[in-house]
């Protein structure tokens, strides 16, 4: 900045001074960096874009190397939309969890053990959820008593009982009821929170009493099971 000074004596001179910059303007990314982010941003995630900027020799307004957070701030400041990360056939863990009705931790565990194919981008998993993968997941859910589904109705339907009610009806422990469910002797479904709802018909009760009569572990209720008919309280 040039400053002209006129003195009372009539003399004049010119001074040169450096203009004081606004701190935000001084730390702003260069126009070249912003242009690169605009051009590559729609198809490149923040971490990869930061690597490309650093490789080209660019630095942030404060002189640091770029990372995913600094690229994210540029996107937000200049309204540059995030990259479309999902490839055809890919979805997020949250979407898979909602579609299957299981917890997100279950999906993450399947990815970790290789049961679900996924790649990691922008700090999260992108799951290759093809129809074949979905069918395999549903078979896995149906075969596993440990997986708690949260889909479906919360209240038992007509003719359904809780494990506690079945145990009281038959005079056995709840553990025995859970064991029969896992072995397929008792038809059951899981409601929200993993609660079991057992379809307990007259035929089911009769089959249970036969299991009790034939089991050496349940000898203390054998006599009652043989004497009581379906629908009778023990």
C-alpha atoms as a PDB file:
ATOM      1  CA  UNK A   1       0.000   0.000   0.000  1.00  0.00           C
ATOM      2  CA  UNK A   2       1.437   3.406  -1.033  1.00  0.00           C
ATOM      3  CA  UNK A   3       0.784   6.382   1.238  1.00  0.00           C
ATOM      4  CA  UNK A   4       1.311   9.985   0.050  1.00  0.00           C
ATOM      5  CA  UNK A   5       2.224  12.580   2.715  1.00  0.00           C
ATOM      6  CA  UNK A   6       1.998  16.342   2.156  1.00  0.00           C
ATOM      7  CA  UNK A   7       3.776  18.463   4.775  1.00  0.00           C
ATOM      8  CA  UNK A   8       2.776  22.047   5.810  1.00  0.00           C
ATOM      9  CA  UNK A   9       6.013  23.297   4.401  1.00  0.00           C
ATOM     10  CA  UNK A  10       4.868  22.152   0.972  1.00  0.00           C
ATOM     11  CA  UNK A  11       7.196  19.207   0.783  1.00  0.00           C
ATOM     12  CA  UNK A  12       5.763  15.750  -0.047  1.00  0.00           C
ATOM     13  CA  UNK A  13       6.926  12.184   0.115  1.00  0.00           C
ATOM     14  CA  UNK A  14       5.607   8.666  -0.459  1.00  0.00           C
ATOM     15  CA  UNK A  15       5.661   5.803   2.023  1.00  0.00           C
ATOM     16  CA  UNK A  16       5.172   2.101   1.264  1.00  0.00           C
ATOM     17  CA  UNK A  17       3.577  -0.196   3.843  1.00  0.00           C
ATOM     18  CA  UNK A  18       2.334  -3.791   3.840  1.00  0.00           C
ATOM     19  CA  UNK A  19      -1.439  -4.052   4.071  1.00  0.00           C
ATOM     20  CA  UNK A  20      -2.649  -5.990   7.124  1.00  0.00           C
ATOM     21  CA  UNK A  21      -4.521  -9.086   5.922  1.00  0.00           C
ATOM     22  CA  UNK A  22      -7.664 -10.536   7.453  1.00  0.00           C
ATOM     23  CA  UNK A  23      -6.665 -13.629   9.436  1.00  0.00           C
ATOM     24  CA  UNK A  24      -9.346 -15.764   7.748  1.00  0.00           C
ATOM     25  CA  UNK A  25      -8.275 -14.604   4.298  1.00  0.00           C
ATOM     26  CA  UNK A  26      -4.640 -15.266   5.122  1.00  0.00           C
ATOM     27  CA  UNK A  27      -5.423 -18.865   6.094  1.00  0.00           C
ATOM     28  CA  UNK A  28      -7.755 -19.549   3.205  1.00  0.00           C
ATOM     29  CA  UNK A  29      -6.916 -22.345   0.770  1.00  0.00           C
ATOM     30  CA  UNK A  30      -5.652 -21.217  -2.597  1.00  0.00           C
ATOM     31  CA  UNK A  31      -7.926 -21.033  -5.616  1.00  0.00           C
ATOM     32  CA  UNK A  32      -5.956 -23.899  -7.215  1.00  0.00           C
ATOM     33  CA  UNK A  33      -6.761 -26.195  -4.265  1.00  0.00           C
ATOM     34  CA  UNK A  34     -10.450 -25.272  -4.356  1.00  0.00           C
ATOM     35  CA  UNK A  35     -10.574 -25.945  -8.092  1.00  0.00           C
ATOM     36  CA  UNK A  36      -9.027 -29.404  -7.602  1.00  0.00           C
ATOM     37  CA  UNK A  37     -11.600 -30.242  -4.920  1.00  0.00           C
ATOM     38  CA  UNK A  38     -14.430 -29.036  -7.179  1.00  0.00           C
ATOM     39  CA  UNK A  39     -13.177 -31.109 -10.106  1.00  0.00           C
ATOM     40  CA  UNK A  40     -12.344 -34.355  -8.287  1.00  0.00           C
ATOM     41  CA  UNK A  41     -14.748 -34.099  -5.349  1.00  0.00           C
ATOM     42  CA  UNK A  42     -17.852 -35.701  -6.914  1.00  0.00           C
ATOM     43  CA  UNK A  43     -16.020 -38.986  -7.533  1.00  0.00           C
ATOM     44  CA  UNK A  44     -13.342 -39.018  -4.799  1.00  0.00           C
ATOM     45  CA  UNK A  45     -13.682 -39.480  -1.033  1.00  0.00           C
ATOM     46  CA  UNK A  46     -12.019 -37.032   1.362  1.00  0.00           C
ATOM     47  CA  UNK A  47      -9.111 -39.279   2.407  1.00  0.00           C
ATOM     48  CA  UNK A  48      -8.134 -40.091  -1.180  1.00  0.00           C
ATOM     49  CA  UNK A  49      -8.513 -36.473  -2.234  1.00  0.00           C
ATOM     50  CA  UNK A  50      -6.218 -35.377   0.608  1.00  0.00           C
ATOM     51  CA  UNK A  51      -3.560 -37.835  -0.591  1.00  0.00           C
ATOM     52  CA  UNK A  52      -3.796 -36.473  -4.138  1.00  0.00           C
ATOM     53  CA  UNK A  53      -3.486 -32.862  -2.974  1.00  0.00           C
ATOM     54  CA  UNK A  54      -0.414 -33.684  -0.885  1.00  0.00           C
ATOM     55  CA  UNK A  55       1.176 -35.599  -3.777  1.00  0.00           C
ATOM     56  CA  UNK A  56       0.707 -32.536  -6.005  1.00  0.00           C
ATOM     57  CA  UNK A  57       2.537 -30.381  -3.450  1.00  0.00           C
ATOM     58  CA  UNK A  58      -0.445 -28.407  -2.172  1.00  0.00           C
ATOM     59  CA  UNK A  59      -0.781 -27.380   1.477  1.00  0.00           C
ATOM     60  CA  UNK A  60      -3.575 -25.966   3.619  1.00  0.00           C
ATOM     61  CA  UNK A  61      -3.882 -22.244   4.311  1.00  0.00           C
ATOM     62  CA  UNK A  62      -1.886 -22.764   7.518  1.00  0.00           C
ATOM     63  CA  UNK A  63       0.873 -24.674   5.722  1.00  0.00           C
ATOM     64  CA  UNK A  64      -0.050 -28.162   6.942  1.00  0.00           C
ATOM     65  CA  UNK A  65      -0.487 -31.290   4.863  1.00  0.00           C
ATOM     66  CA  UNK A  66      -4.056 -32.183   3.926  1.00  0.00           C
ATOM     67  CA  UNK A  67      -6.082 -34.854   5.700  1.00  0.00           C
ATOM     68  CA  UNK A  68      -9.707 -36.011   5.404  1.00  0.00           C
ATOM     69  CA  UNK A  69     -10.947 -33.382   7.897  1.00  0.00           C
ATOM     70  CA  UNK A  70      -9.310 -30.466   6.074  1.00  0.00           C
ATOM     71  CA  UNK A  71     -10.860 -31.588   2.773  1.00  0.00           C
ATOM     72  CA  UNK A  72     -14.233 -31.917   4.512  1.00  0.00           C
ATOM     73  CA  UNK A  73     -13.947 -28.301   5.714  1.00  0.00           C
ATOM     74  CA  UNK A  74     -13.239 -27.123   2.161  1.00  0.00           C
ATOM     75  CA  UNK A  75     -16.325 -28.961   0.935  1.00  0.00           C
ATOM     76  CA  UNK A  76     -18.448 -27.349   3.628  1.00  0.00           C
ATOM     77  CA  UNK A  77     -17.046 -23.840   3.109  1.00  0.00           C
ATOM     78  CA  UNK A  78     -17.493 -23.865  -0.670  1.00  0.00           C
ATOM     79  CA  UNK A  79     -20.600 -26.072  -0.785  1.00  0.00           C
ATOM     80  CA  UNK A  80     -18.911 -28.858  -2.702  1.00  0.00           C
ATOM     81  CA  UNK A  81     -21.062 -32.013  -2.321  1.00  0.00           C
ATOM     82  CA  UNK A  82     -19.527 -35.204  -0.896  1.00  0.00           C
ATOM     83  CA  UNK A  83     -18.547 -38.045  -3.182  1.00  0.00           C
ATOM     84  CA  UNK A  84     -21.122 -40.639  -4.153  1.00  0.00           C
ATOM     85  CA  UNK A  85     -19.341 -43.553  -2.472  1.00  0.00           C
ATOM     86  CA  UNK A  86     -21.818 -46.358  -3.094  1.00  0.00           C
ATOM     87  CA  UNK A  87     -21.161 -48.456  -6.163  1.00  0.00           C
ATOM     88  CA  UNK A  88     -24.029 -50.370  -7.839  1.00  0.00           C
ATOM     89  CA  UNK A  89     -25.217 -53.148  -5.525  1.00  0.00           C
ATOM     90  CA  UNK A  90     -23.596 -51.600  -2.436  1.00  0.00           C
ATOM     91  CA  UNK A  91     -25.327 -50.314   0.669  1.00  0.00           C
ATOM     92  CA  UNK A  92     -24.523 -49.279   4.238  1.00  0.00           C
ATOM     93  CA  UNK A  93     -24.460 -51.350   7.432  1.00  0.00           C
ATOM     94  CA  UNK A  94     -27.487 -49.411   8.719  1.00  0.00           C
ATOM     95  CA  UNK A  95     -29.499 -50.275   5.609  1.00  0.00           C
ATOM     96  CA  UNK A  96     -28.582 -53.982   5.829  1.00  0.00           C
ATOM     97  CA  UNK A  97     -29.470 -53.991   9.525  1.00  0.00           C
ATOM     98  CA  UNK A  98     -32.906 -52.473   8.867  1.00  0.00           C
ATOM     99  CA  UNK A  99     -33.630 -54.790   5.946  1.00  0.00           C
ATOM    100  CA  UNK A 100     -32.748 -57.968   7.851  1.00  0.00           C
ATOM    101  CA  UNK A 101     -34.092 -56.859  11.232  1.00  0.00           C
ATOM    102  CA  UNK A 102     -30.883 -57.577  13.144  1.00  0.00           C
ATOM    103  CA  UNK A 103     -28.452 -55.392  15.063  1.00  0.00           C
ATOM    104  CA  UNK A 104     -25.673 -53.443  13.351  1.00  0.00           C
ATOM    105  CA  UNK A 105     -23.096 -55.255  15.478  1.00  0.00           C
ATOM    106  CA  UNK A 106     -24.251 -58.530  13.896  1.00  0.00           C
ATOM    107  CA  UNK A 107     -23.611 -57.139  10.405  1.00  0.00           C
ATOM    108  CA  UNK A 108     -20.196 -55.822  11.473  1.00  0.00           C
ATOM    109  CA  UNK A 109     -19.325 -59.241  12.903  1.00  0.00           C
ATOM    110  CA  UNK A 110     -20.267 -60.943   9.630  1.00  0.00           C
ATOM    111  CA  UNK A 111     -18.029 -58.540   7.731  1.00  0.00           C
ATOM    112  CA  UNK A 112     -15.141 -59.186  10.116  1.00  0.00           C
ATOM    113  CA  UNK A 113     -15.433 -62.963   9.707  1.00  0.00           C
ATOM    114  CA  UNK A 114     -15.806 -62.787   5.924  1.00  0.00           C
ATOM    115  CA  UNK A 115     -19.465 -63.851   5.805  1.00  0.00           C
ATOM    116  CA  UNK A 116     -20.367 -60.541   4.141  1.00  0.00           C
ATOM    117  CA  UNK A 117     -18.249 -58.870   1.484  1.00  0.00           C
ATOM    118  CA  UNK A 118     -17.563 -55.170   2.110  1.00  0.00           C
ATOM    119  CA  UNK A 119     -14.994 -52.492   1.388  1.00  0.00           C
ATOM    120  CA  UNK A 120     -14.015 -49.557   3.574  1.00  0.00           C
ATOM    121  CA  UNK A 121     -14.285 -45.987   2.289  1.00  0.00           C
ATOM    122  CA  UNK A 122     -14.444 -42.645   4.097  1.00  0.00           C
ATOM    123  CA  UNK A 123     -14.170 -44.434   7.448  1.00  0.00           C
ATOM    124  CA  UNK A 124     -17.166 -46.741   6.981  1.00  0.00           C
ATOM    125  CA  UNK A 125     -18.050 -50.106   5.460  1.00  0.00           C
ATOM    126  CA  UNK A 126     -19.858 -50.335   2.121  1.00  0.00           C
ATOM    127  CA  UNK A 127     -21.538 -53.747   1.865  1.00  0.00           C
ATOM    128  CA  UNK A 128     -21.926 -55.664  -1.392  1.00  0.00           C
ATOM    129  CA  UNK A 129     -25.534 -56.703  -0.693  1.00  0.00           C
ATOM    130  CA  UNK A 130     -26.594 -58.746  -3.698  1.00  0.00           C
ATOM    131  CA  UNK A 131     -29.788 -60.875  -3.711  1.00  0.00           C
ATOM    132  CA  UNK A 132     -27.594 -63.935  -3.141  1.00  0.00           C
ATOM    133  CA  UNK A 133     -25.910 -62.288  -0.129  1.00  0.00           C
ATOM    134  CA  UNK A 134     -29.301 -61.331   1.322  1.00  0.00           C
ATOM    135  CA  UNK A 135     -30.644 -64.883   0.905  1.00  0.00           C
ATOM    136  CA  UNK A 136     -27.569 -66.300   2.659  1.00  0.00           C
ATOM    137  CA  UNK A 137     -27.998 -63.836   5.535  1.00  0.00           C
ATOM    138  CA  UNK A 138     -31.652 -64.766   6.005  1.00  0.00           C
ATOM    139  CA  UNK A 139     -30.771 -68.467   6.099  1.00  0.00           C
ATOM    140  CA  UNK A 140     -28.108 -67.703   8.702  1.00  0.00           C
ATOM    141  CA  UNK A 141     -30.638 -65.791  10.812  1.00  0.00           C
ATOM    142  CA  UNK A 142     -33.216 -68.573  10.600  1.00  0.00           C
ATOM    143  CA  UNK A 143     -30.662 -71.179  11.683  1.00  0.00           C
ATOM    144  CA  UNK A 144     -29.208 -69.224  14.607  1.00  0.00           C
ATOM    145  CA  UNK A 145     -30.974 -68.937  17.987  1.00  0.00           C
ATOM    146  CA  UNK A 146     -28.429 -66.333  19.100  1.00  0.00           C
ATOM    147  CA  UNK A 147     -29.385 -63.711  16.505  1.00  0.00           C
ATOM    148  CA  UNK A 148     -32.109 -61.452  17.838  1.00  0.00           C
ATOM    149  CA  UNK A 149     -34.311 -59.946  15.185  1.00  0.00           C
ATOM    150  CA  UNK A 150     -36.087 -56.710  16.020  1.00  0.00           C
ATOM    151  CA  UNK A 151     -38.591 -56.780  13.207  1.00  0.00           C
ATOM    152  CA  UNK A 152     -42.183 -57.902  13.602  1.00  0.00           C
ATOM    153  CA  UNK A 153     -44.895 -57.274  16.155  1.00  0.00           C
ATOM    154  CA  UNK A 154     -44.047 -56.623  19.779  1.00  0.00           C
ATOM    155  CA  UNK A 155     -47.026 -58.481  21.304  1.00  0.00           C
ATOM    156  CA  UNK A 156     -47.586 -62.239  21.102  1.00  0.00           C
ATOM    157  CA  UNK A 157     -50.196 -63.309  18.579  1.00  0.00           C
ATOM    158  CA  UNK A 158     -53.183 -65.452  19.462  1.00  0.00           C
ATOM    159  CA  UNK A 159     -52.031 -68.912  20.522  1.00  0.00           C
ATOM    160  CA  UNK A 160     -48.487 -67.728  21.322  1.00  0.00           C
ATOM    161  CA  UNK A 161     -46.862 -67.915  24.767  1.00  0.00           C
ATOM    162  CA  UNK A 162     -43.622 -66.634  26.252  1.00  0.00           C
ATOM    163  CA  UNK A 163     -40.918 -69.128  27.344  1.00  0.00           C
ATOM    164  CA  UNK A 164     -41.788 -68.366  30.980  1.00  0.00           C
ATOM    165  CA  UNK A 165     -45.463 -69.173  30.377  1.00  0.00           C
ATOM    166  CA  UNK A 166     -44.592 -72.425  28.571  1.00  0.00           C
ATOM    167  CA  UNK A 167     -42.222 -73.429  31.381  1.00  0.00           C
ATOM    168  CA  UNK A 168     -44.933 -72.779  33.992  1.00  0.00           C
ATOM    169  CA  UNK A 169     -47.506 -74.658  31.925  1.00  0.00           C
ATOM    170  CA  UNK A 170     -45.290 -77.751  31.654  1.00  0.00           C
ATOM    171  CA  UNK A 171     -43.621 -77.506  35.070  1.00  0.00           C
ATOM    172  CA  UNK A 172     -40.097 -77.364  33.677  1.00  0.00           C
ATOM    173  CA  UNK A 173     -37.316 -74.771  33.659  1.00  0.00           C
ATOM    174  CA  UNK A 174     -37.024 -71.972  31.138  1.00  0.00           C
ATOM    175  CA  UNK A 175     -33.641 -73.368  30.079  1.00  0.00           C
ATOM    176  CA  UNK A 176     -35.371 -76.534  28.906  1.00  0.00           C
ATOM    177  CA  UNK A 177     -37.813 -74.442  26.862  1.00  0.00           C
ATOM    178  CA  UNK A 178     -34.997 -72.422  25.268  1.00  0.00           C
ATOM    179  CA  UNK A 179     -33.173 -75.659  24.472  1.00  0.00           C
ATOM    180  CA  UNK A 180     -36.253 -77.092  22.735  1.00  0.00           C
ATOM    181  CA  UNK A 181     -36.596 -73.908  20.680  1.00  0.00           C
ATOM    182  CA  UNK A 182     -32.961 -74.059  19.566  1.00  0.00           C
ATOM    183  CA  UNK A 183     -33.358 -77.764  18.670  1.00  0.00           C
ATOM    184  CA  UNK A 184     -36.511 -77.095  16.671  1.00  0.00           C
ATOM    185  CA  UNK A 185     -38.903 -78.966  18.982  1.00  0.00           C
ATOM    186  CA  UNK A 186     -40.857 -75.782  19.674  1.00  0.00           C
ATOM    187  CA  UNK A 187     -41.914 -73.372  16.880  1.00  0.00           C
ATOM    188  CA  UNK A 188     -41.032 -69.809  17.838  1.00  0.00           C
ATOM    189  CA  UNK A 189     -40.361 -66.386  16.399  1.00  0.00           C
ATOM    190  CA  UNK A 190     -38.484 -63.408  17.787  1.00  0.00           C
ATOM    191  CA  UNK A 191     -40.103 -60.049  18.328  1.00  0.00           C
ATOM    192  CA  UNK A 192     -38.501 -56.678  19.159  1.00  0.00           C
ATOM    193  CA  UNK A 193     -35.685 -56.939  21.682  1.00  0.00           C
ATOM    194  CA  UNK A 194     -35.174 -60.629  20.883  1.00  0.00           C
ATOM    195  CA  UNK A 195     -38.270 -61.786  22.806  1.00  0.00           C
ATOM    196  CA  UNK A 196     -39.399 -65.297  21.908  1.00  0.00           C
ATOM    197  CA  UNK A 197     -43.056 -65.952  21.047  1.00  0.00           C
ATOM    198  CA  UNK A 198     -43.876 -69.688  21.024  1.00  0.00           C
ATOM    199  CA  UNK A 199     -46.850 -71.021  19.081  1.00  0.00           C
ATOM    200  CA  UNK A 200     -48.253 -73.348  21.737  1.00  0.00           C
ATOM    201  CA  UNK A 201     -51.091 -75.438  20.288  1.00  0.00           C
ATOM    202  CA  UNK A 202     -52.716 -78.519  21.780  1.00  0.00           C
ATOM    203  CA  UNK A 203     -50.565 -80.700  19.534  1.00  0.00           C
ATOM    204  CA  UNK A 204     -47.411 -78.847  20.588  1.00  0.00           C
ATOM    205  CA  UNK A 205     -48.249 -79.302  24.264  1.00  0.00           C
ATOM    206  CA  UNK A 206     -48.868 -83.023  23.781  1.00  0.00           C
ATOM    207  CA  UNK A 207     -45.499 -83.368  22.010  1.00  0.00           C
ATOM    208  CA  UNK A 208     -43.772 -81.526  24.862  1.00  0.00           C
ATOM    209  CA  UNK A 209     -45.270 -83.833  27.465  1.00  0.00           C
ATOM    210  CA  UNK A 210     -43.990 -86.840  25.531  1.00  0.00           C
ATOM    211  CA  UNK A 211     -40.511 -85.261  25.506  1.00  0.00           C
ATOM    212  CA  UNK A 212     -40.724 -84.808  29.259  1.00  0.00           C
ATOM    213  CA  UNK A 213     -41.806 -88.424  29.776  1.00  0.00           C
ATOM    214  CA  UNK A 214     -38.918 -89.685  27.641  1.00  0.00           C
ATOM    215  CA  UNK A 215     -36.253 -87.489  29.199  1.00  0.00           C
ATOM    216  CA  UNK A 216     -34.109 -88.796  32.103  1.00  0.00           C
ATOM    217  CA  UNK A 217     -33.188 -85.218  32.972  1.00  0.00           C
ATOM    218  CA  UNK A 218     -36.831 -84.301  33.617  1.00  0.00           C
ATOM    219  CA  UNK A 219     -37.696 -87.268  35.841  1.00  0.00           C
ATOM    220  CA  UNK A 220     -39.163 -85.048  38.540  1.00  0.00           C
ATOM    221  CA  UNK A 221     -42.083 -84.082  36.283  1.00  0.00           C
ATOM    222  CA  UNK A 222     -42.545 -87.408  34.449  1.00  0.00           C
ATOM    223  CA  UNK A 223     -45.492 -88.593  36.499  1.00  0.00           C
ATOM    224  CA  UNK A 224     -47.322 -85.306  36.158  1.00  0.00           C
ATOM    225  CA  UNK A 225     -46.615 -85.148  32.433  1.00  0.00           C
ATOM    226  CA  UNK A 226     -48.073 -88.611  31.900  1.00  0.00           C
ATOM    227  CA  UNK A 227     -51.174 -87.891  33.978  1.00  0.00           C
ATOM    228  CA  UNK A 228     -51.925 -84.369  32.761  1.00  0.00           C
ATOM    229  CA  UNK A 229     -53.667 -83.959  29.473  1.00  0.00           C
ATOM    230  CA  UNK A 230     -53.165 -81.152  26.937  1.00  0.00           C
ATOM    231  CA  UNK A 231     -54.444 -77.897  28.342  1.00  0.00           C
ATOM    232  CA  UNK A 232     -54.330 -79.075  31.997  1.00  0.00           C
ATOM    233  CA  UNK A 233     -52.265 -77.018  34.426  1.00  0.00           C
ATOM    234  CA  UNK A 234     -49.535 -78.792  36.339  1.00  0.00           C
END
